[in-house]
Amino acid sequence: PGDTVMGMRLTAGGHLTHGVTTNFSGANYNIVRYG
């Protein structure tokens, strides 16, 4: 928790578990989004 993880932005085609703030991934990790 707190580590930086990169995931695809939801509007670009990513998934909830790739860093969306309402998901555990976005809530527990420092997410950097690409698109």
PDB file of all heavy atoms in Angstrom:
ATOM      1  N   PRO A   1       0.830  -1.212   0.000  1.00  0.00           N
ATOM      2  CA  PRO A   1       0.000   0.000   0.000  1.00  0.00           C
ATOM      3  C   PRO A   1       0.860   1.256   0.000  1.00  0.00           C
ATOM      4  O   PRO A   1       1.833   1.363   0.753  1.00  0.00           O
ATOM      5  CB  PRO A   1      -0.804  -0.131   1.296  1.00  0.00           C
ATOM      6  CG  PRO A   1      -0.926  -1.615   1.497  1.00  0.00           C
ATOM      7  CD  PRO A   1       0.392  -2.176   1.045  1.00  0.00           C
ATOM      8  N   GLY A   2       0.501   2.194  -0.870  1.00  0.00           N
ATOM      9  CA  GLY A   2       1.252   3.429  -1.009  1.00  0.00           C
ATOM     10  C   GLY A   2       2.278   3.401  -2.118  1.00  0.00           C
ATOM     11  O   GLY A   2       2.753   4.454  -2.561  1.00  0.00           O
ATOM     12  N   ASP A   3       2.650   2.198  -2.598  1.00  0.00           N
ATOM     13  CA  ASP A   3       3.600   2.118  -3.704  1.00  0.00           C
ATOM     14  C   ASP A   3       2.998   2.719  -4.972  1.00  0.00           C
ATOM     15  O   ASP A   3       1.776   2.747  -5.161  1.00  0.00           O
ATOM     16  CB  ASP A   3       3.979   0.665  -3.980  1.00  0.00           C
ATOM     17  CG  ASP A   3       5.004   0.124  -3.006  1.00  0.00           C
ATOM     18  OD1 ASP A   3       5.563   0.926  -2.226  1.00  0.00           O
ATOM     19  OD2 ASP A   3       5.243  -1.104  -3.008  1.00  0.00           O
ATOM     20  N   THR A   4       3.870   3.158  -5.868  1.00  0.00           N
ATOM     21  CA  THR A   4       3.431   3.718  -7.142  1.00  0.00           C
ATOM     22  C   THR A   4       3.202   2.605  -8.159  1.00  0.00           C
ATOM     23  O   THR A   4       4.062   1.743  -8.358  1.00  0.00           O
ATOM     24  CB  THR A   4       4.465   4.719  -7.684  1.00  0.00           C
ATOM     25  OG1 THR A   4       4.594   5.804  -6.755  1.00  0.00           O
ATOM     26  CG2 THR A   4       4.041   5.275  -9.040  1.00  0.00           C
ATOM     27  N   VAL A   5       2.029   2.636  -8.778  1.00  0.00           N
ATOM     28  CA  VAL A   5       1.638   1.660  -9.795  1.00  0.00           C
ATOM     29  C   VAL A   5       1.101   2.422 -10.996  1.00  0.00           C
ATOM     30  O   VAL A   5       0.351   3.393 -10.830  1.00  0.00           O
ATOM     31  CB  VAL A   5       0.558   0.699  -9.258  1.00  0.00           C
ATOM     32  CG1 VAL A   5       0.062  -0.236 -10.359  1.00  0.00           C
ATOM     33  CG2 VAL A   5       1.087  -0.105  -8.076  1.00  0.00           C
ATOM     34  N   MET A   6       1.472   1.991 -12.197  1.00  0.00           N
ATOM     35  CA  MET A   6       0.946   2.606 -13.409  1.00  0.00           C
ATOM     36  C   MET A   6      -0.124   1.726 -14.031  1.00  0.00           C
ATOM     37  O   MET A   6       0.053   0.509 -14.145  1.00  0.00           O
ATOM     38  CB  MET A   6       2.068   2.832 -14.431  1.00  0.00           C
ATOM     39  CG  MET A   6       2.923   4.057 -14.144  1.00  0.00           C
ATOM     40  SD  MET A   6       4.204   4.325 -15.400  1.00  0.00           S
ATOM     41  CE  MET A   6       3.219   4.483 -16.901  1.00  0.00           C
ATOM     42  N   GLY A   7      -1.229   2.358 -14.421  1.00  0.00           N
ATOM     43  CA  GLY A   7      -2.302   1.621 -15.072  1.00  0.00           C
ATOM     44  C   GLY A   7      -2.977   2.458 -16.138  1.00  0.00           C
ATOM     45  O   GLY A   7      -2.880   3.691 -16.134  1.00  0.00           O
ATOM     46  N   MET A   8      -3.680   1.814 -17.026  1.00  0.00           N
ATOM     47  CA  MET A   8      -4.353   2.495 -18.129  1.00  0.00           C
ATOM     48  C   MET A   8      -5.594   3.229 -17.626  1.00  0.00           C
ATOM     49  O   MET A   8      -6.391   2.675 -16.871  1.00  0.00           O
ATOM     50  CB  MET A   8      -4.745   1.482 -19.205  1.00  0.00           C
ATOM     51  CG  MET A   8      -5.139   2.082 -20.539  1.00  0.00           C
ATOM     52  SD  MET A   8      -5.442   0.779 -21.759  1.00  0.00           S
ATOM     53  CE  MET A   8      -5.422   1.726 -23.282  1.00  0.00           C
ATOM     54  N   ARG A   9      -5.731   4.462 -18.049  1.00  0.00           N
ATOM     55  CA  ARG A   9      -6.876   5.287 -17.664  1.00  0.00           C
ATOM     56  C   ARG A   9      -8.186   4.622 -18.103  1.00  0.00           C
ATOM     57  O   ARG A   9      -8.278   4.045 -19.186  1.00  0.00           O
ATOM     58  CB  ARG A   9      -6.730   6.674 -18.295  1.00  0.00           C
ATOM     59  CG  ARG A   9      -7.741   7.707 -17.830  1.00  0.00           C
ATOM     60  CD  ARG A   9      -7.427   9.073 -18.417  1.00  0.00           C
ATOM     61  NE  ARG A   9      -6.167   9.608 -17.889  1.00  0.00           N
ATOM     62  CZ  ARG A   9      -5.049   9.731 -18.614  1.00  0.00           C
ATOM     63  NH1 ARG A   9      -5.025   9.348 -19.882  1.00  0.00           N
ATOM     64  NH2 ARG A   9      -3.954  10.227 -18.074  1.00  0.00           N
ATOM     65  N   LEU A  10      -9.215   4.713 -17.262  1.00  0.00           N
ATOM     66  CA  LEU A  10     -10.484   4.049 -17.545  1.00  0.00           C
ATOM     67  C   LEU A  10     -11.090   4.532 -18.858  1.00  0.00           C
ATOM     68  O   LEU A  10     -11.596   3.733 -19.655  1.00  0.00           O
ATOM     69  CB  LEU A  10     -11.469   4.281 -16.390  1.00  0.00           C
ATOM     70  CG  LEU A  10     -12.734   3.433 -16.389  1.00  0.00           C
ATOM     71  CD1 LEU A  10     -12.404   1.953 -16.213  1.00  0.00           C
ATOM     72  CD2 LEU A  10     -13.685   3.882 -15.276  1.00  0.00           C
ATOM     73  N   THR A  11     -11.056   5.828 -19.120  1.00  0.00           N
ATOM     74  CA  THR A  11     -11.631   6.358 -20.352  1.00  0.00           C
ATOM     75  C   THR A  11     -10.820   5.982 -21.586  1.00  0.00           C
ATOM     76  O   THR A  11     -11.297   6.132 -22.710  1.00  0.00           O
ATOM     77  CB  THR A  11     -11.764   7.892 -20.293  1.00  0.00           C
ATOM     78  OG1 THR A  11     -10.486   8.462 -19.967  1.00  0.00           O
ATOM     79  CG2 THR A  11     -12.784   8.313 -19.248  1.00  0.00           C
ATOM     80  N   ALA A  12      -9.590   5.486 -21.372  1.00  0.00           N
ATOM     81  CA  ALA A  12      -8.777   5.018 -22.490  1.00  0.00           C
ATOM     82  C   ALA A  12      -8.971   3.538 -22.755  1.00  0.00           C
ATOM     83  O   ALA A  12      -8.468   3.008 -23.746  1.00  0.00           O
ATOM     84  CB  ALA A  12      -7.301   5.314 -22.226  1.00  0.00           C
ATOM     85  N   GLY A  13      -9.696   2.863 -21.844  1.00  0.00           N
ATOM     86  CA  GLY A  13      -9.961   1.444 -22.025  1.00  0.00           C
ATOM     87  C   GLY A  13      -9.505   0.569 -20.884  1.00  0.00           C
ATOM     88  O   GLY A  13      -9.611  -0.654 -20.967  1.00  0.00           O
ATOM     89  N   GLY A  14      -8.994   1.174 -19.796  1.00  0.00           N
ATOM     90  CA  GLY A  14      -8.502   0.392 -18.673  1.00  0.00           C
ATOM     91  C   GLY A  14      -9.612  -0.254 -17.866  1.00  0.00           C
ATOM     92  O   GLY A  14     -10.786  -0.188 -18.221  1.00  0.00           O
ATOM     93  N   HIS A  15      -9.218  -0.862 -16.742  1.00  0.00           N
ATOM     94  CA  HIS A  15     -10.166  -1.593 -15.897  1.00  0.00           C
ATOM     95  C   HIS A  15     -10.190  -0.979 -14.508  1.00  0.00           C
ATOM     96  O   HIS A  15      -9.242  -0.298 -14.097  1.00  0.00           O
ATOM     97  CB  HIS A  15      -9.754  -3.071 -15.808  1.00  0.00           C
ATOM     98  CG  HIS A  15     -10.749  -3.938 -15.102  1.00  0.00           C
ATOM     99  ND1 HIS A  15     -10.578  -4.366 -13.797  1.00  0.00           N
ATOM    100  CD2 HIS A  15     -11.931  -4.466 -15.515  1.00  0.00           C
ATOM    101  CE1 HIS A  15     -11.604  -5.110 -13.435  1.00  0.00           C
ATOM    102  NE2 HIS A  15     -12.439  -5.192 -14.460  1.00  0.00           N
ATOM    103  N   LEU A  16     -11.272  -1.229 -13.776  1.00  0.00           N
ATOM    104  CA  LEU A  16     -11.407  -0.702 -12.411  1.00  0.00           C
ATOM    105  C   LEU A  16     -10.187  -1.025 -11.554  1.00  0.00           C
ATOM    106  O   LEU A  16      -9.710  -0.189 -10.787  1.00  0.00           O
ATOM    107  CB  LEU A  16     -12.661  -1.273 -11.751  1.00  0.00           C
ATOM    108  CG  LEU A  16     -14.020  -0.786 -12.265  1.00  0.00           C
ATOM    109  CD1 LEU A  16     -15.127  -1.604 -11.618  1.00  0.00           C
ATOM    110  CD2 LEU A  16     -14.209   0.691 -11.973  1.00  0.00           C
ATOM    111  N   THR A  17      -9.677  -2.254 -11.677  1.00  0.00           N
ATOM    112  CA  THR A  17      -8.578  -2.699 -10.825  1.00  0.00           C
ATOM    113  C   THR A  17      -7.218  -2.181 -11.280  1.00  0.00           C
ATOM    114  O   THR A  17      -6.199  -2.530 -10.695  1.00  0.00           O
ATOM    115  CB  THR A  17      -8.532  -4.233 -10.760  1.00  0.00           C
ATOM    116  OG1 THR A  17      -8.424  -4.751 -12.089  1.00  0.00           O
ATOM    117  CG2 THR A  17      -9.772  -4.776 -10.086  1.00  0.00           C
ATOM    118  N   HIS A  18      -7.213  -1.352 -12.302  1.00  0.00           N
ATOM    119  CA  HIS A  18      -5.954  -0.770 -12.774  1.00  0.00           C
ATOM    120  C   HIS A  18      -5.728   0.626 -12.210  1.00  0.00           C
ATOM    121  O   HIS A  18      -4.882   1.355 -12.704  1.00  0.00           O
ATOM    122  CB  HIS A  18      -5.933  -0.728 -14.303  1.00  0.00           C
ATOM    123  CG  HIS A  18      -6.028  -2.073 -14.949  1.00  0.00           C
ATOM    124  ND1 HIS A  18      -6.024  -2.250 -16.324  1.00  0.00           N
ATOM    125  CD2 HIS A  18      -6.129  -3.314 -14.425  1.00  0.00           C
ATOM    126  CE1 HIS A  18      -6.133  -3.537 -16.596  1.00  0.00           C
ATOM    127  NE2 HIS A  18      -6.196  -4.200 -15.460  1.00  0.00           N
ATOM    128  N   GLY A  19      -6.535   1.011 -11.201  1.00  0.00           N
ATOM    129  CA  GLY A  19      -6.249   2.261 -10.518  1.00  0.00           C
ATOM    130  C   GLY A  19      -7.389   3.229 -10.358  1.00  0.00           C
ATOM    131  O   GLY A  19      -7.154   4.394 -10.031  1.00  0.00           O
ATOM    132  N   VAL A  20      -8.618   2.795 -10.568  1.00  0.00           N
ATOM    133  CA  VAL A  20      -9.764   3.690 -10.383  1.00  0.00           C
ATOM    134  C   VAL A  20      -9.915   3.986  -8.884  1.00  0.00           C
ATOM    135  O   VAL A  20      -9.823   3.091  -8.042  1.00  0.00           O
ATOM    136  CB  VAL A  20     -11.049   3.073 -10.956  1.00  0.00           C
ATOM    137  CG1 VAL A  20     -12.264   3.940 -10.646  1.00  0.00           C
ATOM    138  CG2 VAL A  20     -10.903   2.881 -12.459  1.00  0.00           C
ATOM    139  N   THR A  21     -10.162   5.249  -8.553  1.00  0.00           N
ATOM    140  CA  THR A  21     -10.140   5.680  -7.147  1.00  0.00           C
ATOM    141  C   THR A  21     -11.191   4.991  -6.291  1.00  0.00           C
ATOM    142  O   THR A  21     -11.002   4.833  -5.086  1.00  0.00           O
ATOM    143  CB  THR A  21     -10.327   7.201  -7.053  1.00  0.00           C
ATOM    144  OG1 THR A  21     -11.527   7.574  -7.761  1.00  0.00           O
ATOM    145  CG2 THR A  21      -9.145   7.929  -7.665  1.00  0.00           C
ATOM    146  N   THR A  22     -12.309   4.588  -6.879  1.00  0.00           N
ATOM    147  CA  THR A  22     -13.354   3.918  -6.109  1.00  0.00           C
ATOM    148  C   THR A  22     -13.068   2.434  -5.897  1.00  0.00           C
ATOM    149  O   THR A  22     -13.819   1.755  -5.202  1.00  0.00           O
ATOM    150  CB  THR A  22     -14.720   4.075  -6.801  1.00  0.00           C
ATOM    151  OG1 THR A  22     -14.605   3.643  -8.165  1.00  0.00           O
ATOM    152  CG2 THR A  22     -15.180   5.522  -6.765  1.00  0.00           C
ATOM    153  N   ASN A  23     -12.007   1.918  -6.505  1.00  0.00           N
ATOM    154  CA  ASN A  23     -11.612   0.531  -6.385  1.00  0.00           C
ATOM    155  C   ASN A  23     -10.467   0.418  -5.370  1.00  0.00           C
ATOM    156  O   ASN A  23      -9.797   1.402  -5.061  1.00  0.00           O
ATOM    157  CB  ASN A  23     -11.172   0.018  -7.764  1.00  0.00           C
ATOM    158  CG  ASN A  23     -10.793  -1.440  -7.778  1.00  0.00           C
ATOM    159  OD1 ASN A  23      -9.608  -1.784  -7.738  1.00  0.00           O
ATOM    160  ND2 ASN A  23     -11.786  -2.316  -7.842  1.00  0.00           N
ATOM    161  N   PHE A  24     -10.214  -0.796  -4.877  1.00  0.00           N
ATOM    162  CA  PHE A  24      -9.111  -0.990  -3.928  1.00  0.00           C
ATOM    163  C   PHE A  24      -7.794  -0.493  -4.503  1.00  0.00           C
ATOM    164  O   PHE A  24      -6.924   0.015  -3.777  1.00  0.00           O
ATOM    165  CB  PHE A  24      -8.981  -2.478  -3.554  1.00  0.00           C
ATOM    166  CG  PHE A  24      -8.327  -3.329  -4.616  1.00  0.00           C
ATOM    167  CD1 PHE A  24      -6.946  -3.459  -4.687  1.00  0.00           C
ATOM    168  CD2 PHE A  24      -9.094  -4.009  -5.555  1.00  0.00           C
ATOM    169  CE1 PHE A  24      -6.343  -4.232  -5.674  1.00  0.00           C
ATOM    170  CE2 PHE A  24      -8.499  -4.786  -6.541  1.00  0.00           C
ATOM    171  CZ  PHE A  24      -7.114  -4.893  -6.602  1.00  0.00           C
ATOM    172  N   SER A  25      -7.620  -0.632  -5.815  1.00  0.00           N
ATOM    173  CA  SER A  25      -6.355  -0.267  -6.447  1.00  0.00           C
ATOM    174  C   SER A  25      -6.087   1.233  -6.340  1.00  0.00           C
ATOM    175  O   SER A  25      -4.994   1.657  -5.947  1.00  0.00           O
ATOM    176  CB  SER A  25      -6.348  -0.709  -7.913  1.00  0.00           C
ATOM    177  OG  SER A  25      -7.488  -0.201  -8.602  1.00  0.00           O
ATOM    178  N   GLY A  26      -7.096   2.025  -6.679  1.00  0.00           N
ATOM    179  CA  GLY A  26      -6.922   3.468  -6.584  1.00  0.00           C
ATOM    180  C   GLY A  26      -6.937   3.988  -5.170  1.00  0.00           C
ATOM    181  O   GLY A  26      -6.341   5.024  -4.863  1.00  0.00           O
ATOM    182  N   ALA A  27      -7.609   3.259  -4.267  1.00  0.00           N
ATOM    183  CA  ALA A  27      -7.699   3.698  -2.873  1.00  0.00           C
ATOM    184  C   ALA A  27      -6.426   3.401  -2.093  1.00  0.00           C
ATOM    185  O   ALA A  27      -6.077   4.144  -1.164  1.00  0.00           O
ATOM    186  CB  ALA A  27      -8.890   3.020  -2.197  1.00  0.00           C
ATOM    187  N   ASN A  28      -5.727   2.331  -2.440  1.00  0.00           N
ATOM    188  CA  ASN A  28      -4.604   1.867  -1.623  1.00  0.00           C
ATOM    189  C   ASN A  28      -3.226   2.124  -2.219  1.00  0.00           C
ATOM    190  O   ASN A  28      -2.211   1.947  -1.523  1.00  0.00           O
ATOM    191  CB  ASN A  28      -4.740   0.368  -1.359  1.00  0.00           C
ATOM    192  CG  ASN A  28      -5.970   0.042  -0.537  1.00  0.00           C
ATOM    193  OD1 ASN A  28      -6.431   0.844   0.251  1.00  0.00           O
ATOM    194  ND2 ASN A  28      -6.504  -1.162  -0.729  1.00  0.00           N
ATOM    195  N   TYR A  29      -3.170   2.532  -3.489  1.00  0.00           N
ATOM    196  CA  TYR A  29      -1.881   2.691  -4.143  1.00  0.00           C
ATOM    197  C   TYR A  29      -1.788   4.054  -4.813  1.00  0.00           C
ATOM    198  O   TYR A  29      -2.805   4.683  -5.136  1.00  0.00           O
ATOM    199  CB  TYR A  29      -1.667   1.565  -5.173  1.00  0.00           C
ATOM    200  CG  TYR A  29      -1.731   0.201  -4.529  1.00  0.00           C
ATOM    201  CD1 TYR A  29      -2.941  -0.492  -4.456  1.00  0.00           C
ATOM    202  CD2 TYR A  29      -0.607  -0.378  -3.962  1.00  0.00           C
ATOM    203  CE1 TYR A  29      -3.030  -1.734  -3.835  1.00  0.00           C
ATOM    204  CE2 TYR A  29      -0.680  -1.619  -3.330  1.00  0.00           C
ATOM    205  CZ  TYR A  29      -1.892  -2.285  -3.266  1.00  0.00           C
ATOM    206  OH  TYR A  29      -1.981  -3.502  -2.641  1.00  0.00           O
ATOM    207  N   ASN A  30      -0.569   4.509  -5.018  1.00  0.00           N
ATOM    208  CA  ASN A  30      -0.328   5.773  -5.714  1.00  0.00           C
ATOM    209  C   ASN A  30      -0.357   5.483  -7.211  1.00  0.00           C
ATOM    210  O   ASN A  30       0.609   4.966  -7.775  1.00  0.00           O
ATOM    211  CB  ASN A  30       1.028   6.355  -5.298  1.00  0.00           C
ATOM    212  CG  ASN A  30       1.357   7.618  -6.061  1.00  0.00           C
ATOM    213  OD1 ASN A  30       0.476   8.435  -6.356  1.00  0.00           O
ATOM    214  ND2 ASN A  30       2.625   7.793  -6.416  1.00  0.00           N
ATOM    215  N   ILE A  31      -1.466   5.782  -7.847  1.00  0.00           N
ATOM    216  CA  ILE A  31      -1.682   5.395  -9.237  1.00  0.00           C
ATOM    217  C   ILE A  31      -1.266   6.510 -10.192  1.00  0.00           C
ATOM    218  O   ILE A  31      -1.652   7.664 -10.039  1.00  0.00           O
ATOM    219  CB  ILE A  31      -3.153   5.026  -9.485  1.00  0.00           C
ATOM    220  CG1 ILE A  31      -3.579   3.862  -8.575  1.00  0.00           C
ATOM    221  CG2 ILE A  31      -3.369   4.679 -10.960  1.00  0.00           C
ATOM    222  CD1 ILE A  31      -2.866   2.562  -8.835  1.00  0.00           C
ATOM    223  N   VAL A  32      -0.470   6.133 -11.167  1.00  0.00           N
ATOM    224  CA  VAL A  32      -0.122   7.009 -12.283  1.00  0.00           C
ATOM    225  C   VAL A  32      -0.814   6.443 -13.516  1.00  0.00           C
ATOM    226  O   VAL A  32      -0.621   5.275 -13.859  1.00  0.00           O
ATOM    227  CB  VAL A  32       1.400   7.071 -12.503  1.00  0.00           C
ATOM    228  CG1 VAL A  32       1.729   7.885 -13.748  1.00  0.00           C
ATOM    229  CG2 VAL A  32       2.098   7.652 -11.278  1.00  0.00           C
ATOM    230  N   ARG A  33      -1.620   7.262 -14.175  1.00  0.00           N
ATOM    231  CA  ARG A  33      -2.449   6.769 -15.280  1.00  0.00           C
ATOM    232  C   ARG A  33      -1.862   7.162 -16.631  1.00  0.00           C
ATOM    233  O   ARG A  33      -1.450   8.298 -16.831  1.00  0.00           O
ATOM    234  CB  ARG A  33      -3.878   7.305 -15.158  1.00  0.00           C
ATOM    235  CG  ARG A  33      -4.589   6.839 -13.896  1.00  0.00           C
ATOM    236  CD  ARG A  33      -5.929   7.543 -13.694  1.00  0.00           C
ATOM    237  NE  ARG A  33      -6.563   7.101 -12.448  1.00  0.00           N
ATOM    238  CZ  ARG A  33      -6.293   7.600 -11.254  1.00  0.00           C
ATOM    239  NH1 ARG A  33      -5.423   8.601 -11.154  1.00  0.00           N
ATOM    240  NH2 ARG A  33      -6.886   7.127 -10.174  1.00  0.00           N
ATOM    241  N   TYR A  34      -1.853   6.201 -17.544  1.00  0.00           N
ATOM    242  CA  TYR A  34      -1.454   6.489 -18.926  1.00  0.00           C
ATOM    243  C   TYR A  34      -2.648   6.270 -19.836  1.00  0.00           C
ATOM    244  O   TYR A  34      -3.662   5.712 -19.425  1.00  0.00           O
ATOM    245  CB  TYR A  34      -0.255   5.643 -19.347  1.00  0.00           C
ATOM    246  CG  TYR A  34      -0.490   4.149 -19.366  1.00  0.00           C
ATOM    247  CD1 TYR A  34      -1.031   3.521 -20.488  1.00  0.00           C
ATOM    248  CD2 TYR A  34      -0.154   3.348 -18.265  1.00  0.00           C
ATOM    249  CE1 TYR A  34      -1.232   2.148 -20.518  1.00  0.00           C
ATOM    250  CE2 TYR A  34      -0.356   1.975 -18.282  1.00  0.00           C
ATOM    251  CZ  TYR A  34      -0.895   1.385 -19.410  1.00  0.00           C
ATOM    252  OH  TYR A  34      -1.100   0.028 -19.442  1.00  0.00           O
ATOM    253  N   GLY A  35      -2.532   6.734 -21.082  1.00  0.00           N
ATOM    254  CA  GLY A  35      -3.687   6.651 -21.968  1.00  0.00           C
ATOM    255  C   GLY A  35      -3.326   6.450 -23.419  1.00  0.00           C
ATOM    256  O   GLY A  35      -2.289   5.852 -23.749  1.00  0.00           O
TER     257      GLY A  35
END
